[in-house]
């Protein structure tokens, strides 16, 4: 079953990902959380590990979630 919500083109999705990564890199606590999630991941592909870790951190952190929504809304 797919996820509901608006569909983004790959170019726009990549821009959103880059903006979120920049926010995470600025905050050492968020970066530590992403690194811990990457180490705990069982995926074999490094990109898959990174995407999964970032999405988990975004979902679990309300401030980062609001920032991600703001970035997403600017992209529309």
PDB file of N, CA and C in Angstrom:
ATOM      1  N   UNK A   1       0.841  -1.167   0.000  1.00  0.00           N
ATOM      2  CA  UNK A   1       0.000   0.000   0.000  1.00  0.00           C
ATOM      3  C   UNK A   1       0.894   1.240   0.000  1.00  0.00           C
ATOM      4  N   UNK A   2       0.640   2.150  -0.904  1.00  0.00           N
ATOM      5  CA  UNK A   2       1.438   3.364  -1.021  1.00  0.00           C
ATOM      6  C   UNK A   2       1.058   4.406   0.012  1.00  0.00           C
ATOM      7  N   UNK A   3       1.916   5.384   0.136  1.00  0.00           N
ATOM      8  CA  UNK A   3       1.656   6.473   1.076  1.00  0.00           C
ATOM      9  C   UNK A   3       0.799   7.535   0.409  1.00  0.00           C
ATOM     10  N   UNK A   4      -0.080   8.140   1.191  1.00  0.00           N
ATOM     11  CA  UNK A   4      -0.929   9.181   0.642  1.00  0.00           C
ATOM     12  C   UNK A   4      -0.181  10.500   0.666  1.00  0.00           C
ATOM     13  N   UNK A   5      -0.648  11.433  -0.098  1.00  0.00           N
ATOM     14  CA  UNK A   5      -0.032  12.753  -0.122  1.00  0.00           C
ATOM     15  C   UNK A   5       0.360  13.137  -1.523  1.00  0.00           C
ATOM     16  N   UNK A   6       0.790  14.381  -1.672  1.00  0.00           N
ATOM     17  CA  UNK A   6       1.145  14.853  -3.005  1.00  0.00           C
ATOM     18  C   UNK A   6       2.387  14.168  -3.539  1.00  0.00           C
ATOM     19  N   UNK A   7       2.414  13.983  -4.831  1.00  0.00           N
ATOM     20  CA  UNK A   7       3.563  13.372  -5.498  1.00  0.00           C
ATOM     21  C   UNK A   7       4.490  14.471  -5.980  1.00  0.00           C
ATOM     22  N   UNK A   8       5.767  14.332  -5.715  1.00  0.00           N
ATOM     23  CA  UNK A   8       6.757  15.303  -6.168  1.00  0.00           C
ATOM     24  C   UNK A   8       7.558  14.713  -7.307  1.00  0.00           C
ATOM     25  N   UNK A   9       8.015  15.590  -8.184  1.00  0.00           N
ATOM     26  CA  UNK A   9       8.930  15.128  -9.212  1.00  0.00           C
ATOM     27  C   UNK A   9      10.237  14.771  -8.529  1.00  0.00           C
ATOM     28  N   UNK A  10      11.057  13.990  -9.167  1.00  0.00           N
ATOM     29  CA  UNK A  10      12.328  13.573  -8.566  1.00  0.00           C
ATOM     30  C   UNK A  10      13.232  14.768  -8.295  1.00  0.00           C
ATOM     31  N   UNK A  11      13.201  15.768  -9.168  1.00  0.00           N
ATOM     32  CA  UNK A  11      14.032  16.960  -8.976  1.00  0.00           C
ATOM     33  C   UNK A  11      13.610  17.732  -7.719  1.00  0.00           C
ATOM     34  N   UNK A  12      12.310  17.907  -7.538  1.00  0.00           N
ATOM     35  CA  UNK A  12      11.827  18.620  -6.357  1.00  0.00           C
ATOM     36  C   UNK A  12      12.089  17.818  -5.088  1.00  0.00           C
ATOM     37  N   UNK A  13      11.905  16.522  -5.167  1.00  0.00           N
ATOM     38  CA  UNK A  13      12.172  15.677  -4.001  1.00  0.00           C
ATOM     39  C   UNK A  13      13.639  15.761  -3.600  1.00  0.00           C
ATOM     40  N   UNK A  14      14.521  15.806  -4.573  1.00  0.00           N
ATOM     41  CA  UNK A  14      15.955  15.912  -4.283  1.00  0.00           C
ATOM     42  C   UNK A  14      16.285  17.256  -3.639  1.00  0.00           C
ATOM     43  N   UNK A  15      15.631  18.322  -4.076  1.00  0.00           N
ATOM     44  CA  UNK A  15      15.848  19.638  -3.466  1.00  0.00           C
ATOM     45  C   UNK A  15      15.386  19.644  -2.012  1.00  0.00           C
ATOM     46  N   UNK A  16      14.249  19.017  -1.738  1.00  0.00           N
ATOM     47  CA  UNK A  16      13.751  18.935  -0.372  1.00  0.00           C
ATOM     48  C   UNK A  16      14.718  18.124   0.482  1.00  0.00           C
ATOM     49  N   UNK A  17      15.204  17.006  -0.046  1.00  0.00           N
ATOM     50  CA  UNK A  17      16.157  16.176   0.688  1.00  0.00           C
ATOM     51  C   UNK A  17      17.431  16.948   1.016  1.00  0.00           C
ATOM     52  N   UNK A  18      17.939  17.707   0.042  1.00  0.00           N
ATOM     53  CA  UNK A  18      19.161  18.480   0.272  1.00  0.00           C
ATOM     54  C   UNK A  18      18.961  19.537   1.345  1.00  0.00           C
ATOM     55  N   UNK A  19      17.801  20.191   1.341  1.00  0.00           N
ATOM     56  CA  UNK A  19      17.515  21.224   2.341  1.00  0.00           C
ATOM     57  C   UNK A  19      17.408  20.610   3.736  1.00  0.00           C
ATOM     58  N   UNK A  20      16.779  19.459   3.832  1.00  0.00           N
ATOM     59  CA  UNK A  20      16.649  18.788   5.130  1.00  0.00           C
ATOM     60  C   UNK A  20      18.019  18.319   5.611  1.00  0.00           C
ATOM     61  N   UNK A  21      18.837  17.778   4.698  1.00  0.00           N
ATOM     62  CA  UNK A  21      20.192  17.360   5.076  1.00  0.00           C
ATOM     63  C   UNK A  21      21.003  18.534   5.602  1.00  0.00           C
ATOM     64  N   UNK A  22      20.838  19.703   4.982  1.00  0.00           N
ATOM     65  CA  UNK A  22      21.562  20.897   5.430  1.00  0.00           C
ATOM     66  C   UNK A  22      21.147  21.271   6.851  1.00  0.00           C
ATOM     67  N   UNK A  23      19.850  21.183   7.146  1.00  0.00           N
ATOM     68  CA  UNK A  23      19.376  21.462   8.503  1.00  0.00           C
ATOM     69  C   UNK A  23      19.972  20.476   9.500  1.00  0.00           C
ATOM     70  N   UNK A  24      20.035  19.223   9.121  1.00  0.00           N
ATOM     71  CA  UNK A  24      20.565  18.201  10.022  1.00  0.00           C
ATOM     72  C   UNK A  24      22.059  18.417  10.260  1.00  0.00           C
ATOM     73  N   UNK A  25      22.791  18.778   9.216  1.00  0.00           N
ATOM     74  CA  UNK A  25      24.225  18.998   9.364  1.00  0.00           C
ATOM     75  C   UNK A  25      24.539  20.164  10.289  1.00  0.00           C
ATOM     76  N   UNK A  26      23.659  21.157  10.347  1.00  0.00           N
ATOM     77  CA  UNK A  26      23.860  22.316  11.212  1.00  0.00           C
ATOM     78  C   UNK A  26      23.709  21.963  12.692  1.00  0.00           C
ATOM     79  N   UNK A  27      22.935  20.932  12.993  1.00  0.00           N
ATOM     80  CA  UNK A  27      22.655  20.567  14.380  1.00  0.00           C
ATOM     81  C   UNK A  27      23.372  19.262  14.723  1.00  0.00           C
ATOM     82  N   UNK A  28      24.321  19.313  15.645  1.00  0.00           N
ATOM     83  CA  UNK A  28      25.123  18.141  15.999  1.00  0.00           C
ATOM     84  C   UNK A  28      24.288  17.033  16.644  1.00  0.00           C
ATOM     85  N   UNK A  29      23.255  17.407  17.403  1.00  0.00           N
ATOM     86  CA  UNK A  29      22.404  16.389  18.023  1.00  0.00           C
ATOM     87  C   UNK A  29      21.627  15.606  16.964  1.00  0.00           C
ATOM     88  N   UNK A  30      21.094  16.324  15.981  1.00  0.00           N
ATOM     89  CA  UNK A  30      20.365  15.647  14.896  1.00  0.00           C
ATOM     90  C   UNK A  30      21.311  14.785  14.076  1.00  0.00           C
ATOM     91  N   UNK A  31      22.527  15.286  13.842  1.00  0.00           N
ATOM     92  CA  UNK A  31      23.510  14.507  13.085  1.00  0.00           C
ATOM     93  C   UNK A  31      23.861  13.222  13.838  1.00  0.00           C
ATOM     94  N   UNK A  32      23.991  13.309  15.147  1.00  0.00           N
ATOM     95  CA  UNK A  32      24.282  12.121  15.958  1.00  0.00           C
ATOM     96  C   UNK A  32      23.128  11.117  15.880  1.00  0.00           C
ATOM     97  N   UNK A  33      21.896  11.621  15.883  1.00  0.00           N
ATOM     98  CA  UNK A  33      20.728  10.740  15.777  1.00  0.00           C
ATOM     99  C   UNK A  33      20.694  10.042  14.423  1.00  0.00           C
ATOM    100  N   UNK A  34      21.016  10.765  13.361  1.00  0.00           N
ATOM    101  CA  UNK A  34      21.044  10.167  12.024  1.00  0.00           C
ATOM    102  C   UNK A  34      22.140   9.100  11.953  1.00  0.00           C
ATOM    103  N   UNK A  35      23.317   9.417  12.494  1.00  0.00           N
ATOM    104  CA  UNK A  35      24.416   8.442  12.468  1.00  0.00           C
ATOM    105  C   UNK A  35      24.059   7.176  13.241  1.00  0.00           C
ATOM    106  N   UNK A  36      23.394   7.326  14.373  1.00  0.00           N
ATOM    107  CA  UNK A  36      22.971   6.159  15.150  1.00  0.00           C
ATOM    108  C   UNK A  36      21.963   5.315  14.367  1.00  0.00           C
ATOM    109  N   UNK A  37      21.027   5.977  13.683  1.00  0.00           N
ATOM    110  CA  UNK A  37      20.045   5.252  12.872  1.00  0.00           C
ATOM    111  C   UNK A  37      20.711   4.529  11.712  1.00  0.00           C
ATOM    112  N   UNK A  38      21.723   5.164  11.102  1.00  0.00           N
ATOM    113  CA  UNK A  38      22.440   4.524   9.988  1.00  0.00           C
ATOM    114  C   UNK A  38      23.151   3.272  10.459  1.00  0.00           C
ATOM    115  N   UNK A  39      23.785   3.342  11.631  1.00  0.00           N
ATOM    116  CA  UNK A  39      24.505   2.179  12.157  1.00  0.00           C
ATOM    117  C   UNK A  39      23.549   1.048  12.504  1.00  0.00           C
ATOM    118  N   UNK A  40      22.354   1.387  12.964  1.00  0.00           N
ATOM    119  CA  UNK A  40      21.374   0.379  13.353  1.00  0.00           C
ATOM    120  C   UNK A  40      20.640  -0.217  12.148  1.00  0.00           C
ATOM    121  N   UNK A  41      20.742   0.430  10.995  1.00  0.00           N
ATOM    122  CA  UNK A  41      20.016  -0.016   9.810  1.00  0.00           C
ATOM    123  C   UNK A  41      20.566  -1.340   9.289  1.00  0.00           C
ATOM    124  N   UNK A  42      19.653  -2.158   8.790  1.00  0.00           N
ATOM    125  CA  UNK A  42      20.052  -3.438   8.232  1.00  0.00           C
ATOM    126  C   UNK A  42      20.129  -3.409   6.703  1.00  0.00           C
ATOM    127  N   UNK A  43      19.856  -2.258   6.110  1.00  0.00           N
ATOM    128  CA  UNK A  43      19.911  -2.123   4.647  1.00  0.00           C
ATOM    129  C   UNK A  43      21.353  -2.274   4.174  1.00  0.00           C
ATOM    130  N   UNK A  44      21.519  -2.748   2.960  1.00  0.00           N
ATOM    131  CA  UNK A  44      22.864  -2.955   2.423  1.00  0.00           C
ATOM    132  C   UNK A  44      23.359  -1.734   1.655  1.00  0.00           C
ATOM    133  N   UNK A  45      22.450  -0.984   1.090  1.00  0.00           N
ATOM    134  CA  UNK A  45      22.814   0.182   0.290  1.00  0.00           C
ATOM    135  C   UNK A  45      22.983   1.404   1.193  1.00  0.00           C
ATOM    136  N   UNK A  46      24.092   2.132   1.040  1.00  0.00           N
ATOM    137  CA  UNK A  46      24.357   3.291   1.889  1.00  0.00           C
ATOM    138  C   UNK A  46      23.332   4.403   1.690  1.00  0.00           C
ATOM    139  N   UNK A  47      22.885   4.620   0.448  1.00  0.00           N
ATOM    140  CA  UNK A  47      21.870   5.651   0.204  1.00  0.00           C
ATOM    141  C   UNK A  47      20.563   5.284   0.886  1.00  0.00           C
ATOM    142  N   UNK A  48      20.216   4.011   0.849  1.00  0.00           N
ATOM    143  CA  UNK A  48      18.991   3.558   1.505  1.00  0.00           C
ATOM    144  C   UNK A  48      19.102   3.743   3.012  1.00  0.00           C
ATOM    145  N   UNK A  49      20.278   3.458   3.565  1.00  0.00           N
ATOM    146  CA  UNK A  49      20.491   3.658   5.001  1.00  0.00           C
ATOM    147  C   UNK A  49      20.312   5.122   5.372  1.00  0.00           C
ATOM    148  N   UNK A  50      20.892   6.012   4.569  1.00  0.00           N
ATOM    149  CA  UNK A  50      20.820   7.441   4.857  1.00  0.00           C
ATOM    150  C   UNK A  50      19.395   7.953   4.753  1.00  0.00           C
ATOM    151  N   UNK A  51      18.694   7.602   3.692  1.00  0.00           N
ATOM    152  CA  UNK A  51      17.309   8.054   3.521  1.00  0.00           C
ATOM    153  C   UNK A  51      16.423   7.559   4.651  1.00  0.00           C
ATOM    154  N   UNK A  52      16.586   6.304   5.010  1.00  0.00           N
ATOM    155  CA  UNK A  52      15.795   5.727   6.091  1.00  0.00           C
ATOM    156  C   UNK A  52      16.086   6.432   7.412  1.00  0.00           C
ATOM    157  N   UNK A  53      17.360   6.671   7.688  1.00  0.00           N
ATOM    158  CA  UNK A  53      17.747   7.324   8.942  1.00  0.00           C
ATOM    159  C   UNK A  53      17.202   8.738   9.010  1.00  0.00           C
ATOM    160  N   UNK A  54      17.319   9.485   7.925  1.00  0.00           N
ATOM    161  CA  UNK A  54      16.825  10.862   7.908  1.00  0.00           C
ATOM    162  C   UNK A  54      15.315  10.888   8.092  1.00  0.00           C
ATOM    163  N   UNK A  55      14.604  10.010   7.407  1.00  0.00           N
ATOM    164  CA  UNK A  55      13.143  10.017   7.527  1.00  0.00           C
ATOM    165  C   UNK A  55      12.712   9.659   8.947  1.00  0.00           C
ATOM    166  N   UNK A  56      13.415   8.729   9.594  1.00  0.00           N
ATOM    167  CA  UNK A  56      13.064   8.374  10.969  1.00  0.00           C
ATOM    168  C   UNK A  56      13.315   9.542  11.914  1.00  0.00           C
ATOM    169  N   UNK A  57      14.426  10.242  11.721  1.00  0.00           N
ATOM    170  CA  UNK A  57      14.735  11.386  12.579  1.00  0.00           C
ATOM    171  C   UNK A  57      13.714  12.504  12.363  1.00  0.00           C
ATOM    172  N   UNK A  58      13.316  12.737  11.120  1.00  0.00           N
ATOM    173  CA  UNK A  58      12.323  13.779  10.827  1.00  0.00           C
ATOM    174  C   UNK A  58      10.994  13.436  11.486  1.00  0.00           C
ATOM    175  N   UNK A  59      10.588  12.186  11.408  1.00  0.00           N
ATOM    176  CA  UNK A  59       9.302  11.767  11.978  1.00  0.00           C
ATOM    177  C   UNK A  59       9.316  11.897  13.494  1.00  0.00           C
ATOM    178  N   UNK A  60      10.449  11.630  14.126  1.00  0.00           N
ATOM    179  CA  UNK A  60      10.517  11.615  15.592  1.00  0.00           C
ATOM    180  C   UNK A  60      10.815  12.970  16.213  1.00  0.00           C
ATOM    181  N   UNK A  61      11.187  13.965  15.425  1.00  0.00           N
ATOM    182  CA  UNK A  61      11.549  15.270  15.965  1.00  0.00           C
ATOM    183  C   UNK A  61      10.546  16.310  15.469  1.00  0.00           C
ATOM    184  N   UNK A  62       9.686  16.830  16.347  1.00  0.00           N
ATOM    185  CA  UNK A  62       8.634  17.756  15.895  1.00  0.00           C
ATOM    186  C   UNK A  62       9.170  19.056  15.302  1.00  0.00           C
ATOM    187  N   UNK A  63      10.277  19.581  15.837  1.00  0.00           N
ATOM    188  CA  UNK A  63      10.824  20.821  15.286  1.00  0.00           C
ATOM    189  C   UNK A  63      11.373  20.602  13.879  1.00  0.00           C
ATOM    190  N   UNK A  64      12.065  19.496  13.692  1.00  0.00           N
ATOM    191  CA  UNK A  64      12.576  19.177  12.363  1.00  0.00           C
ATOM    192  C   UNK A  64      11.431  18.853  11.408  1.00  0.00           C
ATOM    193  N   UNK A  65      10.382  18.271  11.931  1.00  0.00           N
ATOM    194  CA  UNK A  65       9.210  17.958  11.113  1.00  0.00           C
ATOM    195  C   UNK A  65       8.564  19.244  10.602  1.00  0.00           C
ATOM    196  N   UNK A  66       8.451  20.256  11.471  1.00  0.00           N
ATOM    197  CA  UNK A  66       7.898  21.540  11.045  1.00  0.00           C
ATOM    198  C   UNK A  66       8.800  22.198  10.005  1.00  0.00           C
ATOM    199  N   UNK A  67      10.107  22.112  10.201  1.00  0.00           N
ATOM    200  CA  UNK A  67      11.042  22.689   9.239  1.00  0.00           C
ATOM    201  C   UNK A  67      10.914  21.986   7.895  1.00  0.00           C
ATOM    202  N   UNK A  68      10.773  20.660   7.920  1.00  0.00           N
ATOM    203  CA  UNK A  68      10.620  19.901   6.681  1.00  0.00           C
ATOM    204  C   UNK A  68       9.327  20.282   5.960  1.00  0.00           C
ATOM    205  N   UNK A  69       8.255  20.478   6.726  1.00  0.00           N
ATOM    206  CA  UNK A  69       6.978  20.887   6.120  1.00  0.00           C
ATOM    207  C   UNK A  69       7.107  22.277   5.500  1.00  0.00           C
ATOM    208  N   UNK A  70       7.830  23.173   6.184  1.00  0.00           N
ATOM    209  CA  UNK A  70       8.059  24.507   5.639  1.00  0.00           C
ATOM    210  C   UNK A  70       8.835  24.456   4.343  1.00  0.00           C
ATOM    211  N   UNK A  71       9.874  23.636   4.302  1.00  0.00           N
ATOM    212  CA  UNK A  71      10.670  23.469   3.082  1.00  0.00           C
ATOM    213  C   UNK A  71       9.787  22.911   1.976  1.00  0.00           C
ATOM    214  N   UNK A  72       8.983  21.907   2.313  1.00  0.00           N
ATOM    215  CA  UNK A  72       8.100  21.269   1.323  1.00  0.00           C
ATOM    216  C   UNK A  72       7.103  22.282   0.769  1.00  0.00           C
ATOM    217  N   UNK A  73       6.516  23.094   1.639  1.00  0.00           N
ATOM    218  CA  UNK A  73       5.522  24.072   1.192  1.00  0.00           C
ATOM    219  C   UNK A  73       6.152  25.150   0.313  1.00  0.00           C
ATOM    220  N   UNK A  74       7.402  25.513   0.554  1.00  0.00           N
ATOM    221  CA  UNK A  74       8.086  26.474  -0.300  1.00  0.00           C
ATOM    222  C   UNK A  74       8.335  25.908  -1.695  1.00  0.00           C
ATOM    223  N   UNK A  75       8.449  24.585  -1.789  1.00  0.00           N
ATOM    224  CA  UNK A  75       8.745  23.940  -3.071  1.00  0.00           C
ATOM    225  C   UNK A  75       7.529  23.849  -3.976  1.00  0.00           C
ATOM    226  N   UNK A  76       6.331  23.995  -3.434  1.00  0.00           N
ATOM    227  CA  UNK A  76       5.103  23.834  -4.239  1.00  0.00           C
ATOM    228  C   UNK A  76       5.001  24.881  -5.308  1.00  0.00           C
TER     229      UNK A  76
END
